[in-house]
Amino acid sequence: MVAATGSSRDGWSSRTGFVLAAVGAAVGLGNLVRFPAEAAANGGGAFVLFYIFCILLIGLPIMLAETLIGRHGQASATESVKKMAEESKASTAWSGLAGLGILSAFMILAFYCVIGGWVLYYIGIFVADLFQSGVTGGALQNMTPEGIKEIFPTLLEKGWLMALLDAVFVLVTVYFVARGVSGGIEVASVWLMPAFFMLLLGITIYGAFGGAFGEAVSYLFTVDFSKLTGDVMLAAIGQAFFSLSLGVAGMMTYGSYVGKEVNLAKTSTMISFADTSVALVAGLCIFPIVLAAGLSSDGGLGLMFDVLPHAFQSMPAGSLIGLAFFVMVGFAALTSSVSLMEGPTAWTMGKFDMSRAKAATLVASMALLLGVASAYSFNAISDFHPLGFIPLFEGEGVFSVLDSVTAKLFMPIGALLTAIFVGWVADRQLVDAENGLDGGLHQFWRFLVRWVCPLALTAILIVGIFPSILGS
């Protein structure tokens, strides 16, 4: 076991299991659609270079800070922070930073499973299409381009269907979480992440031979430093931060299942490298297909649910490639939703002395209720704006509010407080004993956590609250 020696808590059965689970937590929809579009729109290679720079100087240091808190505490995220605070003779109120992360994870889980339901819907469409068109034919041959364009808007009009698909995705997620760390979460990661990587590589190779690969490389990676403006740099900082799923107590929770023999600095580096690699390869997977079809996109959900289905229609074996793509996305979404559910579940187990199965079921049930409200915010309750009295969230429905509150406020605040706590408040000897660094590299990490990360996260927070600063 990789869990602490003598601990009765469940833990990872191997370092590989921990790394794959953490990579699964980090790799999600943002890697597959948001990063390639951000890179293409914001200077190509210049954005990519600055993004990698941000991963190294902001994302990786915060990830290590979160993980070492969990490993030291060997408990839920809030209890781990509380333990480190007590041993540092600091206020236990610092545990609130983990509580904010757990709340963020729960809120994201609620609307993320709705998106997972959309992915299930498209998997169903491409399964049916594969039987109709065959392996060699283009996708959705019985539909006009206009008909393909209406698939997603039509789905958004059916609240009952989205709620049902949301429930299915939640049930699959809670199945793995309820089975425990080594018997559920790790099993899912060990099987799903290699399958995800194989599908990603396979579709990328297909695009290299059958798509506009050279054009995609130029589109994504041509360096244009003239586009690397202040707002683009902040976009890269934000992408690096959100790509690693920081500020949601997930790495604290996963870190609490890791034993002392694991070097956290090395594993955090491996996780960051894998996450960044997926983001880069995703661009080479998607854009050769999109550009070969003569299409373009600003990214986001429109790229996944509108542009790509159009592109698959004109491709040889489009039905098969389309199915493989959405299965791949489903794997990424599931490993992310499992990590989002685990944090609140671990907290519930400790807070109310519940069994894992009961705690996971309770968290899943509450997330499903909020998810159903998110699904209906596109149709039946579209006029309901829960935070409409706040200018920042004016006109936003339940789904958008959950997304905006977590992305613009809770996640940056939680990560900022984590950097301050580890860099300035926690006992230095406790931190040094956990981080796996020494010498000049250790001093550099402390400088980043104490100064660079707080400044960068403050900038993300300010721009999120006052977007007019960048003229947006």
Protein backbone atom coordinates (compact mmCIF):
# COMPACT_ATOMS: atom_id res chain seq x y z
CA MET A 1 0.00 0.00 0.00
CA VAL A 2 1.09 3.56 -0.64
CA ALA A 3 -1.02 4.69 2.31
CA ALA A 4 0.88 5.65 5.42
CA THR A 5 2.36 2.74 7.32
CA GLY A 6 0.12 1.70 10.16
CA SER A 7 -2.84 3.70 8.90
CA SER A 8 -6.24 2.03 8.76
CA ARG A 9 -7.35 4.36 5.96
CA ASP A 10 -7.67 3.07 2.46
CA GLY A 11 -4.94 4.27 0.13
CA TRP A 12 -3.36 3.88 -3.28
CA SER A 13 -1.95 0.43 -3.92
CA SER A 14 0.93 1.87 -5.95
CA ARG A 15 2.50 5.16 -6.94
CA THR A 16 1.35 4.47 -10.50
CA GLY A 17 -2.24 4.29 -9.26
CA PHE A 18 -1.86 7.64 -7.51
CA VAL A 19 -0.28 9.30 -10.54
CA LEU A 20 -2.95 7.98 -12.94
CA ALA A 21 -5.74 9.05 -10.58
CA ALA A 22 -4.24 12.52 -10.19
CA VAL A 23 -3.73 12.84 -13.94
CA GLY A 24 -7.33 11.74 -14.41
CA ALA A 25 -8.43 14.45 -11.98
CA ALA A 26 -6.49 17.10 -13.88
CA VAL A 27 -7.22 15.99 -17.46
CA GLY A 28 -10.70 17.07 -18.42
CA LEU A 29 -12.74 18.98 -20.95
CA GLY A 30 -10.55 22.07 -20.61
CA ASN A 31 -7.54 20.15 -21.93
CA LEU A 32 -9.45 18.80 -24.90
CA VAL A 33 -11.24 21.89 -26.19
CA ARG A 34 -10.32 25.04 -24.26
CA PHE A 35 -6.53 24.89 -24.45
CA PRO A 36 -6.20 24.29 -28.23
CA ALA A 37 -8.61 27.13 -28.97
CA GLU A 38 -6.84 29.49 -26.52
CA ALA A 39 -3.50 28.68 -28.12
CA ALA A 40 -4.76 29.19 -31.67
CA ALA A 41 -6.44 32.49 -30.86
CA ASN A 42 -3.67 33.96 -28.71
CA GLY A 43 -0.40 33.79 -30.56
CA GLY A 44 0.05 30.07 -31.14
CA GLY A 45 3.51 29.02 -30.05
CA ALA A 46 4.00 32.18 -27.99
CA PHE A 47 0.93 31.32 -25.92
CA VAL A 48 2.07 27.69 -25.59
CA LEU A 49 5.53 28.70 -24.37
CA PHE A 50 4.08 31.12 -21.83
CA TYR A 51 1.52 28.53 -20.75
CA ILE A 52 4.27 25.98 -20.04
CA PHE A 53 6.12 28.73 -18.18
CA CYS A 54 2.99 29.28 -16.04
CA ILE A 55 2.59 25.55 -15.37
CA LEU A 56 6.16 25.44 -14.02
CA LEU A 57 6.00 28.64 -11.98
CA ILE A 58 2.39 28.62 -10.75
CA GLY A 59 0.54 25.36 -11.39
CA LEU A 60 3.21 22.93 -10.24
CA PRO A 61 4.11 24.82 -7.02
CA ILE A 62 0.46 25.06 -5.96
CA MET A 63 -0.14 21.39 -6.79
CA LEU A 64 2.79 20.39 -4.59
CA ALA A 65 1.53 22.67 -1.81
CA GLU A 66 -1.93 21.10 -1.90
CA THR A 67 -0.62 17.53 -2.06
CA LEU A 68 1.81 17.91 0.84
CA ILE A 69 -0.98 19.25 3.08
CA GLY A 70 -3.04 16.15 2.40
CA ARG A 71 -0.13 13.73 2.82
CA HIS A 72 0.83 15.32 6.15
CA GLY A 73 -2.74 15.27 7.47
CA GLN A 74 -3.76 11.78 6.26
CA ALA A 75 -7.38 12.91 6.58
CA SER A 76 -10.03 14.88 4.70
CA ALA A 77 -8.87 18.19 3.22
CA THR A 78 -10.26 20.31 6.07
CA GLU A 79 -8.84 18.03 8.78
CA SER A 80 -5.46 17.96 7.04
CA VAL A 81 -5.23 21.75 6.97
CA LYS A 82 -6.46 21.90 10.57
CA LYS A 83 -3.78 19.44 11.69
CA MET A 84 -0.99 21.38 9.97
CA ALA A 85 -2.32 24.65 11.41
CA GLU A 86 -2.43 23.23 14.95
CA GLU A 87 1.09 21.84 14.68
CA SER A 88 2.23 25.21 13.33
CA LYS A 89 0.54 26.99 16.28
CA ALA A 90 -1.68 28.85 13.84
CA SER A 91 -5.44 29.38 13.84
CA THR A 92 -7.50 26.36 12.86
CA ALA A 93 -9.70 28.78 10.89
CA TRP A 94 -7.26 28.14 8.05
CA SER A 95 -9.14 24.90 7.48
CA GLY A 96 -11.73 27.11 5.81
CA LEU A 97 -9.54 27.27 2.70
CA ALA A 98 -10.06 23.53 2.26
CA GLY A 99 -13.74 23.90 3.04
CA LEU A 100 -14.02 26.43 0.24
CA GLY A 101 -12.28 23.97 -2.07
CA ILE A 102 -14.69 21.18 -1.11
CA LEU A 103 -17.66 23.46 -1.75
CA SER A 104 -16.17 24.37 -5.13
CA ALA A 105 -15.71 20.70 -6.01
CA PHE A 106 -19.33 19.96 -5.11
CA MET A 107 -20.67 22.86 -7.19
CA ILE A 108 -18.51 21.93 -10.17
CA LEU A 109 -19.56 18.29 -9.83
CA ALA A 110 -23.21 19.31 -10.12
CA PHE A 111 -22.89 20.96 -13.54
CA TYR A 112 -19.95 18.85 -14.76
CA CYS A 113 -22.11 15.73 -14.64
CA VAL A 114 -24.65 17.53 -16.82
CA ILE A 115 -21.90 17.98 -19.42
CA GLY A 116 -21.02 14.32 -18.89
CA GLY A 117 -24.62 13.54 -19.77
CA TRP A 118 -24.25 15.48 -23.02
CA VAL A 119 -21.23 13.34 -23.87
CA LEU A 120 -23.28 10.18 -23.21
CA TYR A 121 -25.96 11.51 -25.57
CA TYR A 122 -23.41 11.99 -28.38
CA ILE A 123 -21.94 8.55 -27.73
CA GLY A 124 -25.44 7.17 -28.27
CA ILE A 125 -25.83 9.15 -31.49
CA PHE A 126 -22.55 7.86 -32.92
CA VAL A 127 -23.23 4.27 -31.83
CA ALA A 128 -26.54 4.36 -33.74
CA ASP A 129 -24.87 6.10 -36.67
CA LEU A 130 -22.12 3.48 -36.82
CA PHE A 131 -24.71 0.76 -37.32
CA GLN A 132 -26.37 2.80 -40.07
CA SER A 133 -23.31 4.15 -41.93
CA GLY A 134 -20.86 1.31 -41.31
CA VAL A 135 -17.22 1.53 -40.31
CA THR A 136 -15.93 3.14 -43.50
CA GLY A 137 -18.60 5.77 -44.08
CA GLY A 138 -18.68 9.39 -42.98
CA ALA A 139 -20.65 10.22 -39.88
CA LEU A 140 -24.29 11.30 -39.81
CA GLN A 141 -24.78 10.78 -43.56
CA ASN A 142 -28.56 10.87 -43.19
CA MET A 143 -28.45 14.41 -41.79
CA THR A 144 -27.98 17.79 -43.41
CA PRO A 145 -25.40 20.24 -42.03
CA GLU A 146 -28.30 22.24 -40.66
CA GLY A 147 -29.66 19.13 -38.96
CA ILE A 148 -26.30 18.43 -37.32
CA LYS A 149 -26.17 22.00 -36.10
CA GLU A 150 -29.54 21.52 -34.40
CA ILE A 151 -28.57 18.39 -32.42
CA PHE A 152 -27.14 20.27 -29.47
CA PRO A 153 -29.74 23.09 -29.26
CA THR A 154 -32.49 20.46 -29.45
CA LEU A 155 -30.91 18.56 -26.58
CA LEU A 156 -30.75 21.75 -24.49
CA GLU A 157 -34.50 22.17 -24.94
CA LYS A 158 -35.19 18.76 -23.34
CA GLY A 159 -34.70 19.26 -19.64
CA TRP A 160 -36.07 15.83 -18.74
CA LEU A 161 -33.59 14.10 -21.06
CA MET A 162 -30.62 16.07 -19.75
CA ALA A 163 -31.72 15.30 -16.19
CA LEU A 164 -31.91 11.60 -17.01
CA LEU A 165 -28.47 11.59 -18.65
CA ASP A 166 -27.11 13.57 -15.70
CA ALA A 167 -28.46 10.90 -13.34
CA VAL A 168 -26.77 8.14 -15.34
CA PHE A 169 -23.43 9.93 -15.24
CA VAL A 170 -23.76 10.59 -11.50
CA LEU A 171 -24.56 6.91 -10.89
CA VAL A 172 -21.45 5.78 -12.75
CA THR A 173 -19.35 8.30 -10.80
CA VAL A 174 -20.71 7.31 -7.39
CA TYR A 175 -20.19 3.63 -8.20
CA PHE A 176 -16.42 4.10 -8.34
CA VAL A 177 -16.24 6.52 -5.40
CA ALA A 178 -18.34 4.28 -3.15
CA ARG A 179 -16.02 1.33 -3.80
CA GLY A 180 -13.13 3.12 -2.12
CA VAL A 181 -9.72 4.47 -3.05
CA SER A 182 -7.84 1.34 -4.10
CA GLY A 183 -10.92 -0.69 -5.05
CA GLY A 184 -12.82 1.99 -6.95
CA ILE A 185 -11.09 5.28 -7.77
CA GLU A 186 -7.74 3.67 -8.53
CA VAL A 187 -9.31 0.86 -10.55
CA ALA A 188 -11.18 3.39 -12.68
CA SER A 189 -8.03 5.43 -13.25
CA VAL A 190 -5.78 2.46 -14.01
CA TRP A 191 -8.17 1.25 -16.71
CA LEU A 192 -9.65 4.47 -18.06
CA MET A 193 -6.55 6.67 -18.32
CA PRO A 194 -4.48 4.25 -20.47
CA ALA A 195 -7.56 3.76 -22.66
CA PHE A 196 -7.92 7.54 -22.89
CA PHE A 197 -4.27 7.95 -23.92
CA MET A 198 -4.56 5.22 -26.57
CA LEU A 199 -7.67 6.78 -28.07
CA LEU A 200 -6.07 10.24 -28.03
CA LEU A 201 -2.96 8.91 -29.74
CA GLY A 202 -4.97 6.88 -32.25
CA ILE A 203 -7.16 9.79 -33.32
CA THR A 204 -4.08 12.05 -33.50
CA ILE A 205 -2.32 9.57 -35.81
CA TYR A 206 -5.47 9.37 -37.95
CA GLY A 207 -5.52 13.17 -38.20
CA ALA A 208 -1.84 13.23 -39.10
CA PHE A 209 -2.44 11.02 -42.14
CA GLY A 210 -6.01 11.91 -43.06
CA GLY A 211 -6.35 15.52 -41.93
CA ALA A 212 -4.66 18.89 -42.33
CA PHE A 213 -1.85 18.08 -39.92
CA GLY A 214 0.70 20.56 -41.22
CA GLU A 215 -1.87 23.32 -41.26
CA ALA A 216 -2.88 22.45 -37.70
CA VAL A 217 0.72 22.58 -36.48
CA SER A 218 1.12 26.00 -38.06
CA TYR A 219 -2.26 27.12 -36.70
CA LEU A 220 -1.41 26.11 -33.16
CA PHE A 221 2.32 26.55 -32.77
CA THR A 222 3.55 29.35 -35.03
CA VAL A 223 5.17 31.77 -32.60
CA ASP A 224 3.76 35.28 -32.79
CA PHE A 225 4.99 37.27 -29.79
CA SER A 226 3.10 40.35 -31.01
CA LYS A 227 -0.09 38.65 -29.79
CA LEU A 228 1.33 37.96 -26.34
CA THR A 229 -0.36 40.94 -24.69
CA GLY A 230 -1.22 41.39 -21.02
CA ASP A 231 -4.67 39.86 -21.37
CA VAL A 232 -3.27 36.89 -23.32
CA MET A 233 -0.69 36.27 -20.59
CA LEU A 234 -3.41 36.35 -17.96
CA ALA A 235 -5.42 33.90 -20.08
CA ALA A 236 -2.39 31.58 -20.08
CA ILE A 237 -2.03 31.92 -16.31
CA GLY A 238 -5.71 31.11 -15.85
CA GLN A 239 -5.55 28.15 -18.24
CA ALA A 240 -2.53 26.73 -16.39
CA PHE A 241 -4.31 27.10 -13.06
CA PHE A 242 -7.63 25.59 -14.12
CA SER A 243 -6.03 22.87 -16.24
CA LEU A 244 -4.52 21.24 -13.14
CA SER A 245 -7.84 21.41 -11.20
CA LEU A 246 -6.33 23.45 -8.39
CA GLY A 247 -8.35 25.14 -5.68
CA VAL A 248 -10.94 22.35 -5.32
CA ALA A 249 -9.21 20.35 -2.53
CA GLY A 250 -8.85 17.41 -4.90
CA MET A 251 -5.08 17.14 -4.65
CA MET A 252 -5.26 17.55 -0.87
CA THR A 253 -7.69 14.65 -0.71
CA TYR A 254 -5.73 12.43 -3.11
CA GLY A 255 -2.50 13.37 -1.32
CA SER A 256 -3.94 12.15 2.00
CA TYR A 257 -3.91 8.60 0.63
CA VAL A 258 -0.17 8.72 -0.19
CA GLY A 259 2.51 7.24 2.06
CA LYS A 260 5.73 8.88 3.19
CA GLU A 261 7.91 6.87 0.81
CA VAL A 262 6.52 8.71 -2.24
CA ASN A 263 8.44 11.80 -3.36
CA LEU A 264 5.71 14.38 -3.85
CA ALA A 265 7.87 16.76 -5.88
CA LYS A 266 8.64 14.08 -8.47
CA THR A 267 5.06 12.81 -8.69
CA SER A 268 3.64 16.35 -8.93
CA THR A 269 6.05 17.02 -11.80
CA MET A 270 4.94 13.82 -13.55
CA ILE A 271 1.27 14.79 -13.15
CA SER A 272 1.86 18.31 -14.48
CA PHE A 273 3.89 16.98 -17.41
CA ALA A 274 1.18 14.46 -18.35
CA ASP A 275 -1.59 17.07 -18.08
CA THR A 276 0.32 19.56 -20.24
CA SER A 277 1.17 16.88 -22.79
CA VAL A 278 -2.51 15.97 -23.13
CA ALA A 279 -3.39 19.61 -23.74
CA LEU A 280 -0.75 19.92 -26.46
CA VAL A 281 -1.60 16.63 -28.16
CA ALA A 282 -5.32 17.46 -28.00
CA GLY A 283 -4.71 20.34 -30.37
CA LEU A 284 -2.98 18.01 -32.80
CA CYS A 285 -5.86 15.56 -32.39
CA ILE A 286 -8.72 17.96 -33.02
CA PHE A 287 -7.58 20.69 -35.39
CA PRO A 288 -6.30 18.51 -38.28
CA ILE A 289 -9.83 17.11 -38.45
CA VAL A 290 -11.51 20.50 -38.13
CA LEU A 291 -9.26 22.29 -40.63
CA ALA A 292 -9.42 19.44 -43.18
CA ALA A 293 -13.18 19.92 -43.22
CA GLY A 294 -12.76 23.63 -43.88
CA LEU A 295 -14.21 24.57 -40.50
CA SER A 296 -13.07 26.84 -37.69
CA SER A 297 -14.05 27.39 -34.11
CA ASP A 298 -13.41 29.63 -31.14
CA GLY A 299 -13.33 26.53 -28.94
CA GLY A 300 -15.41 25.68 -25.93
CA LEU A 301 -18.48 23.50 -26.02
CA GLY A 302 -19.27 24.65 -29.55
CA LEU A 303 -16.11 22.97 -30.81
CA MET A 304 -17.03 19.65 -29.23
CA PHE A 305 -20.77 19.49 -29.82
CA ASP A 306 -21.16 21.45 -33.06
CA VAL A 307 -17.98 21.80 -35.12
CA LEU A 308 -16.54 18.31 -34.66
CA PRO A 309 -19.74 16.43 -35.58
CA HIS A 310 -19.73 18.44 -38.82
CA ALA A 311 -16.10 17.51 -39.40
CA PHE A 312 -16.74 13.82 -38.78
CA GLN A 313 -19.42 13.84 -41.49
CA SER A 314 -16.89 14.49 -44.24
CA MET A 315 -14.25 12.05 -42.99
CA PRO A 316 -13.64 8.45 -44.06
CA ALA A 317 -14.62 6.24 -41.11
CA GLY A 318 -16.17 9.35 -39.59
CA SER A 319 -18.72 7.37 -37.57
CA LEU A 320 -16.01 5.25 -35.96
CA ILE A 321 -13.69 8.18 -35.30
CA GLY A 322 -16.58 10.24 -33.92
CA LEU A 323 -17.56 7.44 -31.55
CA ALA A 324 -13.95 6.96 -30.45
CA PHE A 325 -13.62 10.69 -29.82
CA PHE A 326 -16.68 10.96 -27.59
CA VAL A 327 -15.78 7.77 -25.71
CA MET A 328 -12.37 9.36 -25.08
CA VAL A 329 -14.04 12.54 -23.82
CA GLY A 330 -16.31 10.44 -21.64
CA PHE A 331 -13.31 8.75 -20.00
CA ALA A 332 -11.72 12.14 -19.26
CA ALA A 333 -14.98 13.51 -17.87
CA LEU A 334 -15.53 10.46 -15.66
CA THR A 335 -12.09 10.48 -14.03
CA SER A 336 -12.53 14.20 -13.35
CA SER A 337 -16.02 13.77 -11.87
CA VAL A 338 -14.72 10.96 -9.63
CA SER A 339 -12.07 13.28 -8.19
CA LEU A 340 -14.63 16.06 -7.75
CA MET A 341 -16.91 13.71 -5.79
CA GLU A 342 -14.15 12.23 -3.65
CA GLY A 343 -13.30 15.47 -1.81
CA PRO A 344 -16.85 16.14 -0.55
CA THR A 345 -17.29 12.42 0.16
CA ALA A 346 -14.13 12.23 2.31
CA TRP A 347 -15.25 15.35 4.19
CA THR A 348 -18.74 13.94 4.77
CA MET A 349 -17.30 10.65 6.05
CA GLY A 350 -15.16 12.43 8.62
CA LYS A 351 -17.67 15.10 9.61
CA PHE A 352 -20.65 12.83 10.18
CA ASP A 353 -18.89 9.51 10.87
CA MET A 354 -20.56 7.91 7.85
CA SER A 355 -19.54 4.88 5.85
CA ARG A 356 -18.05 5.64 2.46
CA ALA A 357 -21.04 4.21 0.60
CA LYS A 358 -23.53 6.35 2.55
CA ALA A 359 -21.41 9.49 2.27
CA ALA A 360 -20.90 9.06 -1.48
CA THR A 361 -24.62 8.43 -1.97
CA LEU A 362 -25.52 11.56 0.00
CA VAL A 363 -23.08 13.74 -1.96
CA ALA A 364 -24.27 12.23 -5.26
CA SER A 365 -27.93 12.80 -4.39
CA MET A 366 -27.38 16.46 -3.53
CA ALA A 367 -25.24 16.99 -6.63
CA LEU A 368 -27.95 15.38 -8.75
CA LEU A 369 -30.60 17.76 -7.38
CA LEU A 370 -28.43 20.74 -8.22
CA GLY A 371 -27.56 19.17 -11.55
CA VAL A 372 -31.22 18.79 -12.48
CA ALA A 373 -31.70 22.50 -11.74
CA SER A 374 -28.69 23.18 -13.99
CA ALA A 375 -30.19 21.09 -16.78
CA TYR A 376 -33.52 22.90 -16.59
CA SER A 377 -31.79 26.29 -16.52
CA PHE A 378 -31.45 25.94 -20.30
CA ASN A 379 -35.18 25.59 -20.80
CA ALA A 380 -37.98 25.49 -18.20
CA ILE A 381 -36.32 27.80 -15.65
CA SER A 382 -34.15 29.80 -18.05
CA ASP A 383 -35.60 33.03 -16.64
CA PHE A 384 -34.44 32.16 -13.11
CA HIS A 385 -31.24 34.05 -12.27
CA PRO A 386 -30.27 33.09 -8.70
CA LEU A 387 -27.58 35.78 -8.35
CA GLY A 388 -29.06 38.30 -10.72
CA PHE A 389 -28.84 41.01 -8.07
CA ILE A 390 -25.03 40.87 -8.35
CA PRO A 391 -23.73 42.63 -11.49
CA LEU A 392 -21.00 40.01 -12.02
CA PHE A 393 -23.63 37.25 -12.37
CA GLU A 394 -26.47 39.26 -13.89
CA GLY A 395 -28.52 37.27 -16.38
CA GLU A 396 -26.88 33.94 -15.57
CA GLY A 397 -28.91 30.80 -14.93
CA VAL A 398 -28.11 28.03 -12.45
CA PHE A 399 -25.61 26.27 -14.73
CA SER A 400 -23.72 29.48 -15.55
CA VAL A 401 -23.76 30.68 -11.94
CA LEU A 402 -22.20 27.46 -10.69
CA ASP A 403 -19.51 27.75 -13.35
CA SER A 404 -18.84 31.45 -12.81
CA VAL A 405 -18.82 31.46 -9.00
CA THR A 406 -16.34 28.61 -8.82
CA ALA A 407 -14.08 29.75 -11.67
CA LYS A 408 -14.04 33.47 -10.90
CA LEU A 409 -14.16 33.40 -7.08
CA PHE A 410 -13.92 30.17 -5.11
CA MET A 411 -11.10 28.37 -6.93
CA PRO A 412 -8.69 31.34 -7.16
CA ILE A 413 -9.42 32.34 -3.55
CA GLY A 414 -8.87 28.77 -2.32
CA ALA A 415 -5.57 28.44 -4.19
CA LEU A 416 -4.45 31.90 -3.06
CA LEU A 417 -5.12 31.01 0.58
CA THR A 418 -3.28 27.71 0.10
CA ALA A 419 -0.19 29.53 -1.18
CA ILE A 420 -0.30 31.96 1.74
CA PHE A 421 -0.85 29.18 4.28
CA VAL A 422 1.99 26.95 3.02
CA GLY A 423 4.35 29.82 2.21
CA TRP A 424 3.83 32.06 5.23
CA VAL A 425 1.84 30.36 7.99
CA ALA A 426 2.66 26.64 8.16
CA ASP A 427 5.72 25.58 10.13
CA ARG A 428 8.63 25.48 7.72
CA GLN A 429 10.00 22.22 9.11
CA LEU A 430 6.65 20.49 8.56
CA VAL A 431 6.51 21.71 4.98
CA ASP A 432 10.15 20.84 4.29
CA ALA A 433 9.62 17.30 5.55
CA GLU A 434 6.83 16.69 3.04
CA ASN A 435 7.73 18.44 -0.21
CA GLY A 436 10.55 16.19 -1.43
CA LEU A 437 12.82 19.10 -2.40
CA ASP A 438 16.22 20.22 -1.18
CA GLY A 439 18.93 22.72 -1.98
CA GLY A 440 18.40 25.55 -4.43
CA LEU A 441 15.31 23.94 -5.95
CA HIS A 442 13.66 23.96 -2.54
CA GLN A 443 14.46 27.65 -2.04
CA PHE A 444 13.12 28.45 -5.50
CA TRP A 445 9.85 26.60 -4.77
CA ARG A 446 9.42 28.55 -1.53
CA PHE A 447 9.96 31.81 -3.40
CA LEU A 448 7.33 30.83 -5.96
CA VAL A 449 4.75 29.80 -3.34
CA ARG A 450 5.33 32.87 -1.18
CA TRP A 451 5.51 35.55 -3.86
CA VAL A 452 4.87 34.57 -7.49
CA CYS A 453 1.81 32.34 -6.96
CA PRO A 454 -0.07 34.79 -4.70
CA LEU A 455 0.52 37.65 -7.13
CA ALA A 456 -0.59 35.61 -10.14
CA LEU A 457 -3.66 34.25 -8.37
CA THR A 458 -4.60 37.73 -7.19
CA ALA A 459 -4.44 38.89 -10.81
CA ILE A 460 -6.72 36.02 -11.90
CA LEU A 461 -9.15 36.90 -9.11
CA ILE A 462 -9.21 40.62 -9.92
CA VAL A 463 -9.73 40.05 -13.64
CA GLY A 464 -12.49 37.52 -12.89
CA ILE A 465 -14.34 40.03 -10.71
CA PHE A 466 -13.60 43.11 -12.85
CA PRO A 467 -13.34 41.85 -16.46
CA SER A 468 -13.60 45.41 -17.75
CA ILE A 469 -9.96 45.84 -16.70
CA LEU A 470 -9.02 43.97 -19.87
CA GLY A 471 -11.71 45.60 -21.90
CA SER A 472 -13.80 42.40 -22.07
